[in-house]
């Protein structure tokens, strides 16, 4: 038996400025709206940065409310956090999209469209915090990420991450506050994107674990530990079983940009599911939500035939390279034309 025709390379084009609607019904393109948002911020950059860094709660809150209002008008439900940036005197906006693919896609594109604005940075997700980062203060006790301890176990069959948490502050808290602190710790350690799309359960330890106890990790190691679990399992919980193959890119452990694990770790989290919607007939809700916001998603089917024995590994690798070349070339042309970007692809087989 030969596999006679490889069919239906599916490319999702995130066309920020296109629409199939007639002209009078077409909303203003998202890219134009994003450009207007950044132009407004650039116009007020110095005064807004000064307010956010001033320590004056009233000034900071007023700027935060205005930023939040404009972000919500741009992408309903998109919120943000603001903190000191990587350069002294700068501010970083961290977009918070939650588990909405519409907000994830548009938040990613909004960050990518940001021009150079002196003293400002933008990330399309809230990244993990470092070990010395304070989660708050409990009396005289600082709650630093690196001071937490966790037993960590990954079950790839469920799938589920089980975490048993300890911090010296836990015994002094009420049950509700303890749970709230543990939840805050987990999101801070894992980053917003990974914590949103990784099924996990959190329990609280009653006594402190021994420093050298087997399986105990420091809070700031949780992100790297989970990444290793996911890579070793070659599995991602947000992906339907039909689409798990080759999910994590090359087996080298390098999480290259554009691979699905790379996207998960960098905060894009669930956007490849747009391809699952198409391949598995799960509906077009994300596409329908994008259209009124001036963004369109297009699925392009490409048919290509290569005859080869079904177990010919080399032929399969060559075919994958050909698919990736098509995707790369299309993405380059879309980007150059400022028309959108490719967000993923899938494939199918025809058998004779």
Protein backbone atom coordinates (compact mmCIF):
# COMPACT_ATOMS: atom_id res chain seq x y z
CA UNK A 1 0.00 0.00 0.00
CA UNK A 2 1.19 3.49 -0.79
CA UNK A 3 0.15 6.74 0.75
CA UNK A 4 -0.78 8.36 -2.49
CA UNK A 5 -1.84 11.87 -1.67
CA UNK A 6 -1.03 14.08 1.25
CA UNK A 7 -3.80 16.60 1.45
CA UNK A 8 -5.11 19.62 3.25
CA UNK A 9 -2.21 21.50 4.67
CA UNK A 10 -4.22 23.94 6.76
CA UNK A 11 -2.78 27.36 7.33
CA UNK A 12 -4.61 29.83 9.48
CA UNK A 13 -3.88 33.35 8.39
CA UNK A 14 -4.51 35.98 11.05
CA UNK A 15 -5.47 38.72 8.63
CA UNK A 16 -5.55 41.86 10.73
CA UNK A 17 -6.71 44.15 8.00
CA UNK A 18 -8.97 41.98 5.85
CA UNK A 19 -12.60 41.00 5.87
CA UNK A 20 -15.06 39.27 3.57
CA UNK A 21 -17.78 41.71 4.57
CA UNK A 22 -19.01 44.36 2.18
CA UNK A 23 -17.34 47.74 2.53
CA UNK A 24 -20.11 49.51 4.42
CA UNK A 25 -20.23 46.74 7.06
CA UNK A 26 -16.50 46.30 7.46
CA UNK A 27 -15.18 47.36 10.90
CA UNK A 28 -12.07 49.46 11.20
CA UNK A 29 -9.09 47.08 10.82
CA UNK A 30 -7.60 45.98 14.11
CA UNK A 31 -4.13 47.04 13.04
CA UNK A 32 -5.35 50.62 12.52
CA UNK A 33 -7.01 50.57 15.95
CA UNK A 34 -3.83 49.21 17.54
CA UNK A 35 -1.76 51.91 15.84
CA UNK A 36 -4.12 54.56 17.23
CA UNK A 37 -3.78 53.11 20.74
CA UNK A 38 0.02 53.28 20.65
CA UNK A 39 -0.08 56.78 19.15
CA UNK A 40 -2.21 57.91 22.09
CA UNK A 41 0.17 56.32 24.60
CA UNK A 42 3.20 57.87 22.88
CA UNK A 43 1.55 61.30 23.07
CA UNK A 44 1.13 60.96 26.86
CA UNK A 45 4.12 58.68 27.52
CA UNK A 46 6.10 60.92 29.86
CA UNK A 47 3.22 62.08 32.04
CA UNK A 48 1.72 58.60 32.31
CA UNK A 49 5.07 57.02 33.16
CA UNK A 50 5.71 59.66 35.80
CA UNK A 51 2.30 59.01 37.35
CA UNK A 52 2.74 55.23 37.44
CA UNK A 53 6.20 55.52 39.03
CA UNK A 54 5.32 58.39 41.38
CA UNK A 55 4.10 56.34 44.33
CA UNK A 56 1.02 58.57 44.37
CA UNK A 57 -1.89 56.11 44.47
CA UNK A 58 -4.45 58.57 43.11
CA UNK A 59 -2.31 59.58 40.09
CA UNK A 60 -1.37 55.99 39.36
CA UNK A 61 -4.96 54.77 39.62
CA UNK A 62 -6.21 57.50 37.28
CA UNK A 63 -3.69 56.52 34.58
CA UNK A 64 -4.43 52.85 35.15
CA UNK A 65 -8.16 53.41 34.68
CA UNK A 66 -7.60 55.31 31.44
CA UNK A 67 -5.24 52.63 30.09
CA UNK A 68 -7.67 49.90 31.10
CA UNK A 69 -10.62 51.68 29.47
CA UNK A 70 -8.76 52.03 26.16
CA UNK A 71 -7.53 48.44 26.20
CA UNK A 72 -11.05 47.16 26.86
CA UNK A 73 -12.38 49.24 23.97
CA UNK A 74 -9.68 47.77 21.73
CA UNK A 75 -10.21 44.15 22.86
CA UNK A 76 -13.13 43.58 25.25
CA UNK A 77 -11.93 41.93 28.45
CA UNK A 78 -8.21 42.54 27.81
CA UNK A 79 -6.64 43.89 31.01
CA UNK A 80 -3.10 44.67 32.08
CA UNK A 81 -0.63 44.94 34.90
CA UNK A 82 2.00 47.67 35.05
CA UNK A 83 5.32 47.52 36.87
CA UNK A 84 8.84 48.88 36.70
CA UNK A 85 10.53 47.80 33.49
CA UNK A 86 13.91 46.23 32.81
CA UNK A 87 15.55 49.67 32.45
CA UNK A 88 15.66 52.13 35.36
CA UNK A 89 12.79 54.58 35.09
CA UNK A 90 10.82 52.53 32.57
CA UNK A 91 7.37 50.94 32.83
CA UNK A 92 6.35 47.54 31.50
CA UNK A 93 2.75 46.79 30.53
CA UNK A 94 1.91 43.10 30.89
CA UNK A 95 -1.27 42.19 29.02
CA UNK A 96 -3.62 39.74 30.75
CA UNK A 97 -5.76 37.83 28.26
CA UNK A 98 -6.91 34.89 30.40
CA UNK A 99 -8.15 31.81 28.57
CA UNK A 100 -9.86 33.67 25.71
CA UNK A 101 -8.21 32.85 22.39
CA UNK A 102 -9.58 36.07 20.91
CA UNK A 103 -7.82 38.13 23.57
CA UNK A 104 -4.66 36.00 23.29
CA UNK A 105 -4.45 36.48 19.53
CA UNK A 106 -5.18 40.21 19.57
CA UNK A 107 -3.06 40.85 22.67
CA UNK A 108 -0.12 39.14 20.95
CA UNK A 109 -0.63 41.29 17.85
CA UNK A 110 -1.08 44.46 19.91
CA UNK A 111 2.27 43.89 21.63
CA UNK A 112 3.96 43.11 18.30
CA UNK A 113 2.60 46.36 16.81
CA UNK A 114 4.06 48.55 19.57
CA UNK A 115 6.47 51.16 18.18
CA UNK A 116 9.51 52.36 20.12
CA UNK A 117 8.22 54.52 22.97
CA UNK A 118 10.95 55.79 25.29
CA UNK A 119 10.54 54.42 28.80
CA UNK A 120 7.86 51.87 27.90
CA UNK A 121 7.83 48.10 27.33
CA UNK A 122 4.99 45.70 26.56
CA UNK A 123 4.65 41.92 26.92
CA UNK A 124 1.59 39.98 25.66
CA UNK A 125 1.51 37.88 28.84
CA UNK A 126 2.46 38.06 32.51
CA UNK A 127 5.76 36.14 32.78
CA UNK A 128 6.93 34.10 35.80
CA UNK A 129 8.47 36.14 38.60
CA UNK A 130 12.04 35.71 39.73
CA UNK A 131 13.12 34.21 43.07
CA UNK A 132 13.63 37.52 44.87
CA UNK A 133 10.31 38.99 43.74
CA UNK A 134 8.00 39.75 46.66
CA UNK A 135 4.44 38.47 46.54
CA UNK A 136 3.58 40.79 49.42
CA UNK A 137 4.24 41.27 53.11
CA UNK A 138 2.76 39.48 56.11
CA UNK A 139 3.65 41.50 59.18
CA UNK A 140 7.44 41.55 59.20
CA UNK A 141 7.68 38.52 56.92
CA UNK A 142 8.27 39.15 53.18
CA UNK A 143 6.58 36.59 50.91
CA UNK A 144 9.25 35.97 48.27
CA UNK A 145 8.73 33.50 45.46
CA UNK A 146 11.99 31.67 46.16
CA UNK A 147 10.98 31.01 49.78
CA UNK A 148 8.09 28.76 48.80
CA UNK A 149 8.59 24.99 48.61
CA UNK A 150 6.53 22.55 46.59
CA UNK A 151 6.22 18.82 46.00
CA UNK A 152 5.58 18.61 42.29
CA UNK A 153 4.16 15.64 40.34
CA UNK A 154 3.01 15.50 36.70
CA UNK A 155 0.45 12.88 35.63
CA UNK A 156 0.41 12.75 31.84
CA UNK A 157 -2.56 10.39 31.68
CA UNK A 158 -5.11 12.69 33.32
CA UNK A 159 -3.28 15.12 32.55
CA UNK A 160 -2.66 17.00 35.77
CA UNK A 161 0.03 18.74 37.75
CA UNK A 162 -0.21 18.11 41.51
CA UNK A 163 1.41 20.66 43.81
CA UNK A 164 1.74 20.49 47.60
CA UNK A 165 2.82 23.94 48.85
CA UNK A 166 4.65 25.18 51.91
CA UNK A 167 5.64 28.65 53.11
CA UNK A 168 6.58 29.73 56.62
CA UNK A 169 3.65 32.18 56.60
CA UNK A 170 0.98 29.50 56.05
CA UNK A 171 0.39 28.47 59.70
CA UNK A 172 -0.43 32.07 60.64
CA UNK A 173 -3.20 32.43 58.04
CA UNK A 174 -6.86 31.50 57.95
CA UNK A 175 -7.87 28.75 55.51
CA UNK A 176 -9.22 31.11 52.87
CA UNK A 177 -6.15 33.32 53.03
CA UNK A 178 -3.85 30.31 52.85
CA UNK A 179 -5.59 29.09 49.71
CA UNK A 180 -5.48 32.56 48.18
CA UNK A 181 -1.75 32.85 48.89
CA UNK A 182 -1.06 29.42 47.37
CA UNK A 183 -3.03 30.30 44.23
CA UNK A 184 -1.18 33.60 43.91
CA UNK A 185 2.12 31.77 44.33
CA UNK A 186 1.33 29.22 41.61
CA UNK A 187 0.40 31.83 38.99
CA UNK A 188 3.42 33.95 39.89
CA UNK A 189 5.78 30.96 39.64
CA UNK A 190 4.33 29.49 36.45
CA UNK A 191 3.43 32.66 34.59
CA UNK A 192 -0.10 33.60 33.59
CA UNK A 193 -0.22 31.66 30.31
CA UNK A 194 1.10 28.35 31.62
CA UNK A 195 -1.01 28.44 34.79
CA UNK A 196 -4.17 29.13 32.76
CA UNK A 197 -3.75 26.23 30.35
CA UNK A 198 -2.15 23.58 32.61
CA UNK A 199 -4.64 21.52 34.68
CA UNK A 200 -3.34 21.52 38.22
CA UNK A 201 -4.44 20.94 41.80
CA UNK A 202 -2.92 22.68 44.80
CA UNK A 203 -2.86 21.36 48.36
CA UNK A 204 -1.20 22.91 51.40
CA UNK A 205 1.37 21.12 53.55
CA UNK A 206 0.74 21.10 57.30
CA UNK A 207 4.43 21.04 58.28
CA UNK A 208 7.55 22.30 56.59
CA UNK A 209 9.29 19.72 54.36
CA UNK A 210 12.89 18.81 55.08
CA UNK A 211 15.25 20.99 53.02
CA UNK A 212 16.70 18.00 51.19
CA UNK A 213 13.48 15.99 50.90
CA UNK A 214 13.13 14.13 47.62
CA UNK A 215 10.82 15.79 45.13
CA UNK A 216 10.80 19.21 46.82
CA UNK A 217 11.64 22.22 44.66
CA UNK A 218 11.95 25.92 45.39
CA UNK A 219 9.17 28.15 44.14
CA UNK A 220 11.27 29.77 41.44
CA UNK A 221 12.06 26.32 39.97
CA UNK A 222 8.43 25.45 39.27
CA UNK A 223 8.34 26.97 35.78
CA UNK A 224 11.43 25.11 34.57
CA UNK A 225 10.29 21.88 36.23
CA UNK A 226 6.91 21.96 34.54
CA UNK A 227 8.53 22.71 31.18
CA UNK A 228 10.65 19.58 31.61
CA UNK A 229 7.59 17.49 32.51
CA UNK A 230 5.73 18.69 29.41
CA UNK A 231 8.68 18.06 27.15
CA UNK A 232 9.39 14.58 28.52
CA UNK A 233 5.75 13.58 28.11
CA UNK A 234 5.55 15.04 24.58
CA UNK A 235 2.07 16.07 25.60
CA UNK A 236 0.04 19.21 26.02
CA UNK A 237 -3.21 19.25 27.92
CA UNK A 238 -4.88 21.86 25.75
CA UNK A 239 -4.42 19.86 22.57
CA UNK A 240 -6.97 17.24 21.52
CA UNK A 241 -5.49 13.70 21.30
CA UNK A 242 -5.77 13.79 17.52
CA UNK A 243 -3.28 16.66 17.32
CA UNK A 244 -0.58 15.70 19.82
CA UNK A 245 1.97 14.35 17.33
CA UNK A 246 5.17 16.42 17.01
CA UNK A 247 3.72 18.96 19.43
CA UNK A 248 6.99 19.98 21.00
CA UNK A 249 9.25 20.48 18.01
CA UNK A 250 12.78 19.05 17.89
CA UNK A 251 13.81 16.53 20.56
CA UNK A 252 16.88 18.59 21.39
CA UNK A 253 15.05 20.31 24.22
CA UNK A 254 15.45 23.71 22.59
CA UNK A 255 12.02 25.29 22.66
CA UNK A 256 12.28 27.21 19.40
CA UNK A 257 9.93 30.07 18.66
CA UNK A 258 7.08 28.80 16.54
CA UNK A 259 6.98 25.32 18.07
CA UNK A 260 3.91 24.66 20.15
CA UNK A 261 5.76 24.21 23.42
CA UNK A 262 7.74 27.35 22.63
CA UNK A 263 4.48 29.23 22.20
CA UNK A 264 3.11 27.83 25.44
CA UNK A 265 6.21 28.82 27.39
CA UNK A 266 6.34 32.28 25.87
CA UNK A 267 2.77 33.03 26.78
CA UNK A 268 0.68 32.53 23.66
CA UNK A 269 -0.81 29.49 25.40
CA UNK A 270 -3.84 28.31 23.42
CA UNK A 271 -3.79 30.03 20.06
CA UNK A 272 -2.96 26.85 18.04
CA UNK A 273 -6.41 25.55 19.04
CA UNK A 274 -7.77 27.65 16.18
CA UNK A 275 -6.45 24.86 13.94
CA UNK A 276 -8.15 22.23 16.09
CA UNK A 277 -11.47 24.01 15.59
CA UNK A 278 -11.09 23.59 11.85
CA UNK A 279 -9.70 20.04 11.80
CA UNK A 280 -12.07 18.60 14.39
CA UNK A 281 -15.22 20.51 13.41
CA UNK A 282 -15.42 22.18 16.82
CA UNK A 283 -16.98 25.37 15.51
CA UNK A 284 -15.82 28.83 14.49
CA UNK A 285 -16.53 30.87 17.62
CA UNK A 286 -13.06 32.47 17.70
CA UNK A 287 -13.29 33.47 14.03
CA UNK A 288 -16.75 34.90 14.67
CA UNK A 289 -15.47 36.93 17.66
CA UNK A 290 -12.52 38.32 15.71
CA UNK A 291 -14.53 39.74 12.80
CA UNK A 292 -16.34 42.59 14.64
CA UNK A 293 -12.98 43.69 16.09
CA UNK A 294 -11.50 44.24 12.64
CA UNK A 295 -9.55 40.99 12.45
CA UNK A 296 -10.21 38.03 10.20
CA UNK A 297 -9.01 34.42 10.34
CA UNK A 298 -8.66 32.54 7.05
CA UNK A 299 -8.06 28.82 6.51
CA UNK A 300 -6.11 27.97 3.40
CA UNK A 301 -6.15 24.38 2.10
CA UNK A 302 -3.17 23.29 -0.01
CA UNK A 303 -3.13 19.91 -1.74
CA UNK A 304 0.20 18.26 -2.44
CA UNK A 305 0.86 14.67 -3.54
CA UNK A 306 3.96 12.65 -2.75
CA UNK A 307 3.95 8.91 -3.31
CA UNK A 308 6.05 6.91 -0.89
CA UNK A 309 5.89 3.73 1.20
CA UNK A 310 3.95 4.39 4.41
CA UNK A 311 6.96 3.61 6.64
CA UNK A 312 9.46 5.72 4.68
CA UNK A 313 10.73 7.99 7.46
CA UNK A 314 13.01 10.03 5.21
CA UNK A 315 10.14 10.85 2.84
CA UNK A 316 8.04 11.94 5.78
CA UNK A 317 10.77 14.27 7.02
CA UNK A 318 11.15 15.78 3.56
CA UNK A 319 7.41 16.36 3.42
CA UNK A 320 7.41 18.11 6.79
CA UNK A 321 10.24 20.35 5.62
CA UNK A 322 8.24 21.22 2.50
CA UNK A 323 5.18 22.12 4.58
CA UNK A 324 7.24 24.30 6.88
CA UNK A 325 8.78 26.07 3.91
CA UNK A 326 5.31 26.94 2.61
CA UNK A 327 4.28 28.24 6.03
CA UNK A 328 7.46 30.32 6.43
CA UNK A 329 7.14 31.87 2.96
CA UNK A 330 3.48 32.73 3.44
CA UNK A 331 4.14 34.22 6.87
CA UNK A 332 7.00 36.34 5.51
CA UNK A 333 4.80 37.74 2.73
CA UNK A 334 1.91 38.47 5.10
CA UNK A 335 4.23 40.22 7.55
CA UNK A 336 5.90 42.28 4.80
CA UNK A 337 2.49 43.38 3.54
CA UNK A 338 1.32 44.11 7.12
CA UNK A 339 -1.65 41.88 6.35
CA UNK A 340 -1.40 39.38 9.20
CA UNK A 341 0.55 36.36 10.37
CA UNK A 342 0.32 32.56 10.22
CA UNK A 343 -0.78 31.12 13.54
CA UNK A 344 -0.48 27.39 12.83
CA UNK A 345 -1.08 24.49 10.49
CA UNK A 346 -2.30 20.93 10.42
CA UNK A 347 -2.36 18.15 7.85
CA UNK A 348 -4.24 15.05 6.75
CA UNK A 349 -3.75 11.96 4.58
CA UNK A 350 -5.56 10.35 1.69
CA UNK A 351 -4.98 6.62 1.16
CA UNK A 352 -5.34 4.66 -2.06
